[in-house]
Amino acid sequence: MNASPVRDLFTKNIGKQLTSDEIRGAFNQAFGAGAGDRVRVSCLVDPSSGRRLIGELTLGLSGPIGPDSKLADLLLASAPTAKAGCPKGTVDAIGFQ
C-alpha cells in the first residue's frame, strides 16, 4: 500500500476532501480493475470542528495470507462490498488538526 497510488492520493490530499469513488479508483489503479469494489470507507466527525474525516478503510480480502501473498490477489478473490460507505470526507494528518 505504501508504494501505491493509494498512498499518493492520500498524501497529496491532506486537508482536502476525497470521495469514496476517488479512493476506490486509486485501488483499481494500484491493484487491478475491481479491487476498489472491495474497499469500504468509514468516516468520523471531529468533535471540535465538526469536520467529517476519513477514519478507516476496510479491505475485503480472501485466501491464505502468508509472506508471499499479494494484496491484489487477496482483494480480487473476495466478494465485492455492497456499499462504498462514507461518500466523502477530509483527509487529516495523523491525529485531529
PDB file of N, CA and C in Angstrom:
ATOM      1  N   MET A   1       0.813  -1.191   0.000  1.00  0.00           N
ATOM      2  CA  MET A   1       0.000   0.000   0.000  1.00  0.00           C
ATOM      3  C   MET A   1       0.861   1.262   0.000  1.00  0.00           C
ATOM      4  N   ASN A   2       1.926   1.259   0.777  1.00  0.00           N
ATOM      5  CA  ASN A   2       2.728   2.474   0.891  1.00  0.00           C
ATOM      6  C   ASN A   2       3.486   2.830  -0.374  1.00  0.00           C
ATOM      7  N   ALA A   3       3.591   1.920  -1.310  1.00  0.00           N
ATOM      8  CA  ALA A   3       4.267   2.213  -2.577  1.00  0.00           C
ATOM      9  C   ALA A   3       3.252   2.220  -3.715  1.00  0.00           C
ATOM     10  N   SER A   4       2.011   2.614  -3.414  1.00  0.00           N
ATOM     11  CA  SER A   4       0.954   2.534  -4.422  1.00  0.00           C
ATOM     12  C   SER A   4       0.300   3.894  -4.651  1.00  0.00           C
ATOM     13  N   PRO A   5      -0.508   3.994  -5.706  1.00  0.00           N
ATOM     14  CA  PRO A   5      -1.270   5.225  -5.949  1.00  0.00           C
ATOM     15  C   PRO A   5      -2.245   5.566  -4.815  1.00  0.00           C
ATOM     16  N   VAL A   6      -2.605   4.588  -3.998  1.00  0.00           N
ATOM     17  CA  VAL A   6      -3.492   4.861  -2.860  1.00  0.00           C
ATOM     18  C   VAL A   6      -2.785   5.788  -1.873  1.00  0.00           C
ATOM     19  N   ARG A   7      -1.562   5.457  -1.529  1.00  0.00           N
ATOM     20  CA  ARG A   7      -0.785   6.312  -0.618  1.00  0.00           C
ATOM     21  C   ARG A   7      -0.623   7.700  -1.214  1.00  0.00           C
ATOM     22  N   ASP A   8      -0.272   7.764  -2.497  1.00  0.00           N
ATOM     23  CA  ASP A   8      -0.071   9.054  -3.153  1.00  0.00           C
ATOM     24  C   ASP A   8      -1.339   9.905  -3.109  1.00  0.00           C
ATOM     25  N   LEU A   9      -2.494   9.283  -3.333  1.00  0.00           N
ATOM     26  CA  LEU A   9      -3.758  10.005  -3.295  1.00  0.00           C
ATOM     27  C   LEU A   9      -3.968  10.655  -1.925  1.00  0.00           C
ATOM     28  N   PHE A  10      -3.718   9.900  -0.871  1.00  0.00           N
ATOM     29  CA  PHE A  10      -3.921  10.441   0.472  1.00  0.00           C
ATOM     30  C   PHE A  10      -2.882  11.498   0.822  1.00  0.00           C
ATOM     31  N   THR A  11      -1.618  11.272   0.519  1.00  0.00           N
ATOM     32  CA  THR A  11      -0.592  12.259   0.894  1.00  0.00           C
ATOM     33  C   THR A  11      -0.757  13.568   0.126  1.00  0.00           C
ATOM     34  N   LYS A  12      -1.235  13.501  -1.104  1.00  0.00           N
ATOM     35  CA  LYS A  12      -1.427  14.720  -1.902  1.00  0.00           C
ATOM     36  C   LYS A  12      -2.694  15.478  -1.520  1.00  0.00           C
ATOM     37  N   ASN A  13      -3.541  14.861  -0.709  1.00  0.00           N
ATOM     38  CA  ASN A  13      -4.821  15.486  -0.390  1.00  0.00           C
ATOM     39  C   ASN A  13      -5.035  15.742   1.096  1.00  0.00           C
ATOM     40  N   ILE A  14      -3.963  15.827   1.870  1.00  0.00           N
ATOM     41  CA  ILE A  14      -4.101  16.164   3.291  1.00  0.00           C
ATOM     42  C   ILE A  14      -4.744  17.549   3.397  1.00  0.00           C
ATOM     43  N   GLY A  15      -5.817  17.614   4.179  1.00  0.00           N
ATOM     44  CA  GLY A  15      -6.548  18.866   4.344  1.00  0.00           C
ATOM     45  C   GLY A  15      -7.643  19.075   3.320  1.00  0.00           C
ATOM     46  N   LYS A  16      -7.750  18.174   2.354  1.00  0.00           N
ATOM     47  CA  LYS A  16      -8.768  18.280   1.306  1.00  0.00           C
ATOM     48  C   LYS A  16      -9.734  17.104   1.422  1.00  0.00           C
ATOM     49  N   GLN A  17     -10.835  17.211   0.705  1.00  0.00           N
ATOM     50  CA  GLN A  17     -11.808  16.131   0.709  1.00  0.00           C
ATOM     51  C   GLN A  17     -11.547  15.149  -0.426  1.00  0.00           C
ATOM     52  N   LEU A  18     -11.816  13.882  -0.125  1.00  0.00           N
ATOM     53  CA  LEU A  18     -11.797  12.817  -1.136  1.00  0.00           C
ATOM     54  C   LEU A  18     -13.143  12.121  -1.097  1.00  0.00           C
ATOM     55  N   THR A  19     -13.565  11.638  -2.252  1.00  0.00           N
ATOM     56  CA  THR A  19     -14.787  10.849  -2.310  1.00  0.00           C
ATOM     57  C   THR A  19     -14.437   9.372  -2.256  1.00  0.00           C
ATOM     58  N   SER A  20     -15.412   8.568  -1.886  1.00  0.00           N
ATOM     59  CA  SER A  20     -15.185   7.122  -1.888  1.00  0.00           C
ATOM     60  C   SER A  20     -14.885   6.641  -3.301  1.00  0.00           C
ATOM     61  N   ASP A  21     -15.474   7.280  -4.317  1.00  0.00           N
ATOM     62  CA  ASP A  21     -15.181   6.897  -5.711  1.00  0.00           C
ATOM     63  C   ASP A  21     -13.721   7.154  -6.066  1.00  0.00           C
ATOM     64  N   GLU A  22     -13.160   8.267  -5.590  1.00  0.00           N
ATOM     65  CA  GLU A  22     -11.747   8.554  -5.860  1.00  0.00           C
ATOM     66  C   GLU A  22     -10.849   7.519  -5.186  1.00  0.00           C
ATOM     67  N   ILE A  23     -11.205   7.163  -3.951  1.00  0.00           N
ATOM     68  CA  ILE A  23     -10.409   6.184  -3.205  1.00  0.00           C
ATOM     69  C   ILE A  23     -10.492   4.823  -3.881  1.00  0.00           C
ATOM     70  N   ARG A  24     -11.688   4.421  -4.235  1.00  0.00           N
ATOM     71  CA  ARG A  24     -11.863   3.126  -4.909  1.00  0.00           C
ATOM     72  C   ARG A  24     -11.145   3.111  -6.261  1.00  0.00           C
ATOM     73  N   GLY A  25     -11.146   4.254  -6.952  1.00  0.00           N
ATOM     74  CA  GLY A  25     -10.430   4.350  -8.224  1.00  0.00           C
ATOM     75  C   GLY A  25      -8.931   4.161  -8.052  1.00  0.00           C
ATOM     76  N   ALA A  26      -8.376   4.693  -6.967  1.00  0.00           N
ATOM     77  CA  ALA A  26      -6.945   4.513  -6.692  1.00  0.00           C
ATOM     78  C   ALA A  26      -6.628   3.044  -6.438  1.00  0.00           C
ATOM     79  N   PHE A  27      -7.531   2.329  -5.753  1.00  0.00           N
ATOM     80  CA  PHE A  27      -7.329   0.891  -5.552  1.00  0.00           C
ATOM     81  C   PHE A  27      -7.380   0.143  -6.879  1.00  0.00           C
ATOM     82  N   ASN A  28      -8.288   0.527  -7.765  1.00  0.00           N
ATOM     83  CA  ASN A  28      -8.337  -0.108  -9.095  1.00  0.00           C
ATOM     84  C   ASN A  28      -7.042   0.122  -9.853  1.00  0.00           C
ATOM     85  N   GLN A  29      -6.528   1.339  -9.783  1.00  0.00           N
ATOM     86  CA  GLN A  29      -5.272   1.671 -10.466  1.00  0.00           C
ATOM     87  C   GLN A  29      -4.105   0.881  -9.887  1.00  0.00           C
ATOM     88  N   ALA A  30      -4.087   0.760  -8.571  1.00  0.00           N
ATOM     89  CA  ALA A  30      -2.954   0.118  -7.897  1.00  0.00           C
ATOM     90  C   ALA A  30      -2.999  -1.402  -7.964  1.00  0.00           C
ATOM     91  N   PHE A  31      -4.197  -1.987  -7.842  1.00  0.00           N
ATOM     92  CA  PHE A  31      -4.289  -3.433  -7.638  1.00  0.00           C
ATOM     93  C   PHE A  31      -5.136  -4.165  -8.677  1.00  0.00           C
ATOM     94  N   GLY A  32      -5.608  -3.450  -9.692  1.00  0.00           N
ATOM     95  CA  GLY A  32      -6.354  -4.081 -10.772  1.00  0.00           C
ATOM     96  C   GLY A  32      -7.834  -3.746 -10.743  1.00  0.00           C
ATOM     97  N   ALA A  33      -8.438  -3.791 -11.919  1.00  0.00           N
ATOM     98  CA  ALA A  33      -9.866  -3.491 -12.057  1.00  0.00           C
ATOM     99  C   ALA A  33     -10.687  -4.363 -11.118  1.00  0.00           C
ATOM    100  N   GLY A  34     -11.569  -3.729 -10.369  1.00  0.00           N
ATOM    101  CA  GLY A  34     -12.415  -4.439  -9.415  1.00  0.00           C
ATOM    102  C   GLY A  34     -11.907  -4.404  -7.996  1.00  0.00           C
ATOM    103  N   ALA A  35     -10.640  -4.077  -7.790  1.00  0.00           N
ATOM    104  CA  ALA A  35     -10.094  -4.031  -6.426  1.00  0.00           C
ATOM    105  C   ALA A  35     -10.813  -2.978  -5.584  1.00  0.00           C
ATOM    106  N   GLY A  36     -11.143  -1.858  -6.186  1.00  0.00           N
ATOM    107  CA  GLY A  36     -11.837  -0.801  -5.462  1.00  0.00           C
ATOM    108  C   GLY A  36     -13.208  -1.208  -4.965  1.00  0.00           C
ATOM    109  N   ASP A  37     -13.816  -2.181  -5.639  1.00  0.00           N
ATOM    110  CA  ASP A  37     -15.133  -2.675  -5.213  1.00  0.00           C
ATOM    111  C   ASP A  37     -15.051  -3.460  -3.915  1.00  0.00           C
ATOM    112  N   ARG A  38     -13.864  -3.715  -3.438  1.00  0.00           N
ATOM    113  CA  ARG A  38     -13.657  -4.470  -2.195  1.00  0.00           C
ATOM    114  C   ARG A  38     -13.229  -3.551  -1.041  1.00  0.00           C
ATOM    115  N   VAL A  39     -13.406  -2.236  -1.239  1.00  0.00           N
ATOM    116  CA  VAL A  39     -12.979  -1.241  -0.243  1.00  0.00           C
ATOM    117  C   VAL A  39     -14.194  -0.501   0.295  1.00  0.00           C
ATOM    118  N   ARG A  40     -14.256  -0.368   1.608  1.00  0.00           N
ATOM    119  CA  ARG A  40     -15.312   0.406   2.271  1.00  0.00           C
ATOM    120  C   ARG A  40     -14.641   1.538   3.051  1.00  0.00           C
ATOM    121  N   VAL A  41     -15.173   2.742   2.900  1.00  0.00           N
ATOM    122  CA  VAL A  41     -14.636   3.933   3.551  1.00  0.00           C
ATOM    123  C   VAL A  41     -15.519   4.275   4.756  1.00  0.00           C
ATOM    124  N   SER A  42     -14.897   4.490   5.900  1.00  0.00           N
ATOM    125  CA  SER A  42     -15.618   4.915   7.105  1.00  0.00           C
ATOM    126  C   SER A  42     -15.130   6.305   7.497  1.00  0.00           C
ATOM    127  N   CYS A  43     -16.075   7.132   7.920  1.00  0.00           N
ATOM    128  CA  CYS A  43     -15.748   8.491   8.348  1.00  0.00           C
ATOM    129  C   CYS A  43     -16.166   8.691   9.797  1.00  0.00           C
ATOM    130  N   LEU A  44     -15.606   9.721  10.394  1.00  0.00           N
ATOM    131  CA  LEU A  44     -15.972  10.128  11.748  1.00  0.00           C
ATOM    132  C   LEU A  44     -16.008  11.637  11.767  1.00  0.00           C
ATOM    133  N   VAL A  45     -16.681  12.172  12.759  1.00  0.00           N
ATOM    134  CA  VAL A  45     -16.798  13.622  12.876  1.00  0.00           C
ATOM    135  C   VAL A  45     -15.867  14.101  13.987  1.00  0.00           C
ATOM    136  N   ASP A  46     -15.021  15.065  13.660  1.00  0.00           N
ATOM    137  CA  ASP A  46     -14.139  15.693  14.641  1.00  0.00           C
ATOM    138  C   ASP A  46     -15.014  16.539  15.556  1.00  0.00           C
ATOM    139  N   PRO A  47     -15.078  16.194  16.851  1.00  0.00           N
ATOM    140  CA  PRO A  47     -15.977  16.923  17.749  1.00  0.00           C
ATOM    141  C   PRO A  47     -15.630  18.396  17.916  1.00  0.00           C
ATOM    142  N   SER A  48     -14.389  18.769  17.717  1.00  0.00           N
ATOM    143  CA  SER A  48     -14.003  20.174  17.919  1.00  0.00           C
ATOM    144  C   SER A  48     -14.316  21.057  16.714  1.00  0.00           C
ATOM    145  N   SER A  49     -14.313  20.476  15.519  1.00  0.00           N
ATOM    146  CA  SER A  49     -14.522  21.296  14.322  1.00  0.00           C
ATOM    147  C   SER A  49     -15.784  20.922  13.546  1.00  0.00           C
ATOM    148  N   GLY A  50     -16.307  19.740  13.802  1.00  0.00           N
ATOM    149  CA  GLY A  50     -17.474  19.282  13.052  1.00  0.00           C
ATOM    150  C   GLY A  50     -17.144  18.742  11.672  1.00  0.00           C
ATOM    151  N   ARG A  51     -15.849  18.694  11.328  1.00  0.00           N
ATOM    152  CA  ARG A  51     -15.462  18.174  10.011  1.00  0.00           C
ATOM    153  C   ARG A  51     -15.659  16.666   9.949  1.00  0.00           C
ATOM    154  N   ARG A  52     -16.101  16.175   8.787  1.00  0.00           N
ATOM    155  CA  ARG A  52     -16.187  14.733   8.556  1.00  0.00           C
ATOM    156  C   ARG A  52     -14.829  14.292   8.019  1.00  0.00           C
ATOM    157  N   LEU A  53     -14.173  13.416   8.755  1.00  0.00           N
ATOM    158  CA  LEU A  53     -12.835  12.943   8.407  1.00  0.00           C
ATOM    159  C   LEU A  53     -12.874  11.485   7.972  1.00  0.00           C
ATOM    160  N   ILE A  54     -12.034  11.145   7.020  1.00  0.00           N
ATOM    161  CA  ILE A  54     -11.872   9.745   6.655  1.00  0.00           C
ATOM    162  C   ILE A  54     -11.127   9.083   7.810  1.00  0.00           C
ATOM    163  N   GLY A  55     -11.754   8.080   8.400  1.00  0.00           N
ATOM    164  CA  GLY A  55     -11.178   7.461   9.582  1.00  0.00           C
ATOM    165  C   GLY A  55     -10.627   6.077   9.360  1.00  0.00           C
ATOM    166  N   GLU A  56     -11.180   5.364   8.366  1.00  0.00           N
ATOM    167  CA  GLU A  56     -10.771   3.964   8.202  1.00  0.00           C
ATOM    168  C   GLU A  56     -11.132   3.480   6.813  1.00  0.00           C
ATOM    169  N   LEU A  57     -10.287   2.632   6.287  1.00  0.00           N
ATOM    170  CA  LEU A  57     -10.580   1.881   5.064  1.00  0.00           C
ATOM    171  C   LEU A  57     -10.640   0.418   5.453  1.00  0.00           C
ATOM    172  N   THR A  58     -11.717  -0.251   5.083  1.00  0.00           N
ATOM    173  CA  THR A  58     -11.840  -1.681   5.327  1.00  0.00           C
ATOM    174  C   THR A  58     -11.688  -2.388   3.991  1.00  0.00           C
ATOM    175  N   LEU A  59     -10.740  -3.316   3.927  1.00  0.00           N
ATOM    176  CA  LEU A  59     -10.468  -4.044   2.690  1.00  0.00           C
ATOM    177  C   LEU A  59     -11.025  -5.450   2.798  1.00  0.00           C
ATOM    178  N   GLY A  60     -11.793  -5.863   1.789  1.00  0.00           N
ATOM    179  CA  GLY A  60     -12.259  -7.236   1.722  1.00  0.00           C
ATOM    180  C   GLY A  60     -11.151  -8.109   1.153  1.00  0.00           C
ATOM    181  N   LEU A  61     -10.712  -9.079   1.918  1.00  0.00           N
ATOM    182  CA  LEU A  61      -9.633  -9.982   1.496  1.00  0.00           C
ATOM    183  C   LEU A  61     -10.122 -11.418   1.612  1.00  0.00           C
ATOM    184  N   SER A  62      -9.617 -12.272   0.745  1.00  0.00           N
ATOM    185  CA  SER A  62      -9.959 -13.684   0.821  1.00  0.00           C
ATOM    186  C   SER A  62      -8.752 -14.512   0.386  1.00  0.00           C
ATOM    187  N   GLY A  63      -8.547 -15.609   1.107  1.00  0.00           N
ATOM    188  CA  GLY A  63      -7.442 -16.506   0.773  1.00  0.00           C
ATOM    189  C   GLY A  63      -6.423 -16.547   1.892  1.00  0.00           C
ATOM    190  N   PRO A  64      -5.491 -17.473   1.782  1.00  0.00           N
ATOM    191  CA  PRO A  64      -4.458 -17.579   2.808  1.00  0.00           C
ATOM    192  C   PRO A  64      -3.492 -16.390   2.738  1.00  0.00           C
ATOM    193  N   ILE A  65      -3.199 -15.847   3.905  1.00  0.00           N
ATOM    194  CA  ILE A  65      -2.274 -14.716   3.982  1.00  0.00           C
ATOM    195  C   ILE A  65      -0.946 -15.224   4.513  1.00  0.00           C
ATOM    196  N   GLY A  66       0.067 -15.076   3.699  1.00  0.00           N
ATOM    197  CA  GLY A  66       1.401 -15.526   4.066  1.00  0.00           C
ATOM    198  C   GLY A  66       2.440 -14.544   3.589  1.00  0.00           C
ATOM    199  N   PRO A  67       3.705 -14.867   3.802  1.00  0.00           N
ATOM    200  CA  PRO A  67       4.779 -13.931   3.443  1.00  0.00           C
ATOM    201  C   PRO A  67       4.838 -13.603   1.954  1.00  0.00           C
ATOM    202  N   ASP A  68       4.344 -14.494   1.102  1.00  0.00           N
ATOM    203  CA  ASP A  68       4.392 -14.257  -0.337  1.00  0.00           C
ATOM    204  C   ASP A  68       3.057 -13.817  -0.917  1.00  0.00           C
ATOM    205  N   SER A  69       2.065 -13.588  -0.060  1.00  0.00           N
ATOM    206  CA  SER A  69       0.740 -13.182  -0.535  1.00  0.00           C
ATOM    207  C   SER A  69       0.816 -11.807  -1.177  1.00  0.00           C
ATOM    208  N   LYS A  70       0.031 -11.626  -2.227  1.00  0.00           N
ATOM    209  CA  LYS A  70      -0.060 -10.344  -2.919  1.00  0.00           C
ATOM    210  C   LYS A  70      -1.412  -9.729  -2.599  1.00  0.00           C
ATOM    211  N   LEU A  71      -1.397  -8.456  -2.205  1.00  0.00           N
ATOM    212  CA  LEU A  71      -2.622  -7.780  -1.834  1.00  0.00           C
ATOM    213  C   LEU A  71      -3.635  -7.806  -2.975  1.00  0.00           C
ATOM    214  N   ALA A  72      -3.190  -7.614  -4.201  1.00  0.00           N
ATOM    215  CA  ALA A  72      -4.103  -7.627  -5.349  1.00  0.00           C
ATOM    216  C   ALA A  72      -4.849  -8.950  -5.436  1.00  0.00           C
ATOM    217  N   ASP A  73      -4.146 -10.063  -5.247  1.00  0.00           N
ATOM    218  CA  ASP A  73      -4.784 -11.383  -5.319  1.00  0.00           C
ATOM    219  C   ASP A  73      -5.807 -11.564  -4.207  1.00  0.00           C
ATOM    220  N   LEU A  74      -5.471 -11.131  -2.999  1.00  0.00           N
ATOM    221  CA  LEU A  74      -6.381 -11.263  -1.859  1.00  0.00           C
ATOM    222  C   LEU A  74      -7.624 -10.400  -2.042  1.00  0.00           C
ATOM    223  N   LEU A  75      -7.443  -9.185  -2.565  1.00  0.00           N
ATOM    224  CA  LEU A  75      -8.577  -8.305  -2.824  1.00  0.00           C
ATOM    225  C   LEU A  75      -9.508  -8.913  -3.869  1.00  0.00           C
ATOM    226  N   LEU A  76      -8.956  -9.308  -4.993  1.00  0.00           N
ATOM    227  CA  LEU A  76      -9.779  -9.778  -6.107  1.00  0.00           C
ATOM    228  C   LEU A  76     -10.423 -11.130  -5.841  1.00  0.00           C
ATOM    229  N   ALA A  77      -9.916 -11.879  -4.862  1.00  0.00           N
ATOM    230  CA  ALA A  77     -10.509 -13.169  -4.509  1.00  0.00           C
ATOM    231  C   ALA A  77     -11.725 -13.004  -3.589  1.00  0.00           C
ATOM    232  N   SER A  78     -11.910 -11.822  -3.023  1.00  0.00           N
ATOM    233  CA  SER A  78     -13.031 -11.608  -2.107  1.00  0.00           C
ATOM    234  C   SER A  78     -14.255 -11.101  -2.863  1.00  0.00           C
ATOM    235  N   ALA A  79     -15.389 -11.147  -2.194  1.00  0.00           N
ATOM    236  CA  ALA A  79     -16.634 -10.646  -2.781  1.00  0.00           C
ATOM    237  C   ALA A  79     -16.644  -9.120  -2.721  1.00  0.00           C
ATOM    238  N   PRO A  80     -17.242  -8.475  -3.710  1.00  0.00           N
ATOM    239  CA  PRO A  80     -17.358  -7.014  -3.668  1.00  0.00           C
ATOM    240  C   PRO A  80     -18.147  -6.557  -2.448  1.00  0.00           C
ATOM    241  N   THR A  81     -17.814  -5.372  -1.969  1.00  0.00           N
ATOM    242  CA  THR A  81     -18.513  -4.750  -0.850  1.00  0.00           C
ATOM    243  C   THR A  81     -19.820  -4.161  -1.377  1.00  0.00           C
ATOM    244  N   ALA A  82     -20.903  -4.366  -0.636  1.00  0.00           N
ATOM    245  CA  ALA A  82     -22.210  -3.893  -1.086  1.00  0.00           C
ATOM    246  C   ALA A  82     -22.258  -2.373  -1.229  1.00  0.00           C
ATOM    247  N   LYS A  83     -21.647  -1.646  -0.298  1.00  0.00           N
ATOM    248  CA  LYS A  83     -21.680  -0.182  -0.335  1.00  0.00           C
ATOM    249  C   LYS A  83     -20.283   0.368  -0.114  1.00  0.00           C
ATOM    250  N   ALA A  84     -20.029   1.522  -0.726  1.00  0.00           N
ATOM    251  CA  ALA A  84     -18.719   2.163  -0.578  1.00  0.00           C
ATOM    252  C   ALA A  84     -18.536   2.781   0.793  1.00  0.00           C
ATOM    253  N   GLY A  85     -19.619   3.000   1.515  1.00  0.00           N
ATOM    254  CA  GLY A  85     -19.529   3.605   2.838  1.00  0.00           C
ATOM    255  C   GLY A  85     -19.667   5.110   2.771  1.00  0.00           C
ATOM    256  N   CYS A  86     -18.873   5.799   3.523  1.00  0.00           N
ATOM    257  CA  CYS A  86     -18.904   7.259   3.599  1.00  0.00           C
ATOM    258  C   CYS A  86     -18.671   7.855   2.205  1.00  0.00           C
ATOM    259  N   PRO A  87     -19.560   8.720   1.719  1.00  0.00           N
ATOM    260  CA  PRO A  87     -19.411   9.239   0.361  1.00  0.00           C
ATOM    261  C   PRO A  87     -18.225  10.178   0.167  1.00  0.00           C
ATOM    262  N   LYS A  88     -17.883  10.964   1.211  1.00  0.00           N
ATOM    263  CA  LYS A  88     -16.693  11.827   1.123  1.00  0.00           C
ATOM    264  C   LYS A  88     -16.306  12.297   2.510  1.00  0.00           C
ATOM    265  N   GLY A  89     -15.022  12.583   2.649  1.00  0.00           N
ATOM    266  CA  GLY A  89     -14.504  13.069   3.914  1.00  0.00           C
ATOM    267  C   GLY A  89     -13.167  13.747   3.694  1.00  0.00           C
ATOM    268  N   THR A  90     -12.740  14.451   4.705  1.00  0.00           N
ATOM    269  CA  THR A  90     -11.472  15.173   4.655  1.00  0.00           C
ATOM    270  C   THR A  90     -10.340  14.247   5.075  1.00  0.00           C
ATOM    271  N   VAL A  91      -9.232  14.368   4.372  1.00  0.00           N
ATOM    272  CA  VAL A  91      -8.015  13.632   4.733  1.00  0.00           C
ATOM    273  C   VAL A  91      -7.283  14.482   5.754  1.00  0.00           C
ATOM    274  N   ASP A  92      -7.103  13.961   6.938  1.00  0.00           N
ATOM    275  CA  ASP A  92      -6.438  14.686   8.009  1.00  0.00           C
ATOM    276  C   ASP A  92      -5.042  14.116   8.199  1.00  0.00           C
ATOM    277  N   ALA A  93      -4.136  14.967   8.623  1.00  0.00           N
ATOM    278  CA  ALA A  93      -2.827  14.470   9.036  1.00  0.00           C
ATOM    279  C   ALA A  93      -3.063  13.584  10.263  1.00  0.00           C
ATOM    280  N   ILE A  94      -2.090  12.856  10.687  1.00  0.00           N
ATOM    281  CA  ILE A  94      -2.252  11.958  11.836  1.00  0.00           C
ATOM    282  C   ILE A  94      -2.753  12.753  13.033  1.00  0.00           C
ATOM    283  N   GLY A  95      -3.851  12.284  13.618  1.00  0.00           N
ATOM    284  CA  GLY A  95      -4.465  12.988  14.744  1.00  0.00           C
ATOM    285  C   GLY A  95      -5.325  14.136  14.238  1.00  0.00           C
ATOM    286  N   PHE A  96      -6.200  14.616  15.077  1.00  0.00           N
ATOM    287  CA  PHE A  96      -7.055  15.740  14.689  1.00  0.00           C
ATOM    288  C   PHE A  96      -6.227  17.004  14.609  1.00  0.00           C
ATOM    289  N   GLN A  97      -6.460  17.807  13.594  1.00  0.00           N
ATOM    290  CA  GLN A  97      -5.764  19.079  13.412  1.00  0.00           C
ATOM    291  C   GLN A  97      -6.691  20.223  13.735  1.00  0.00           C
TER     292      GLN A  97
END
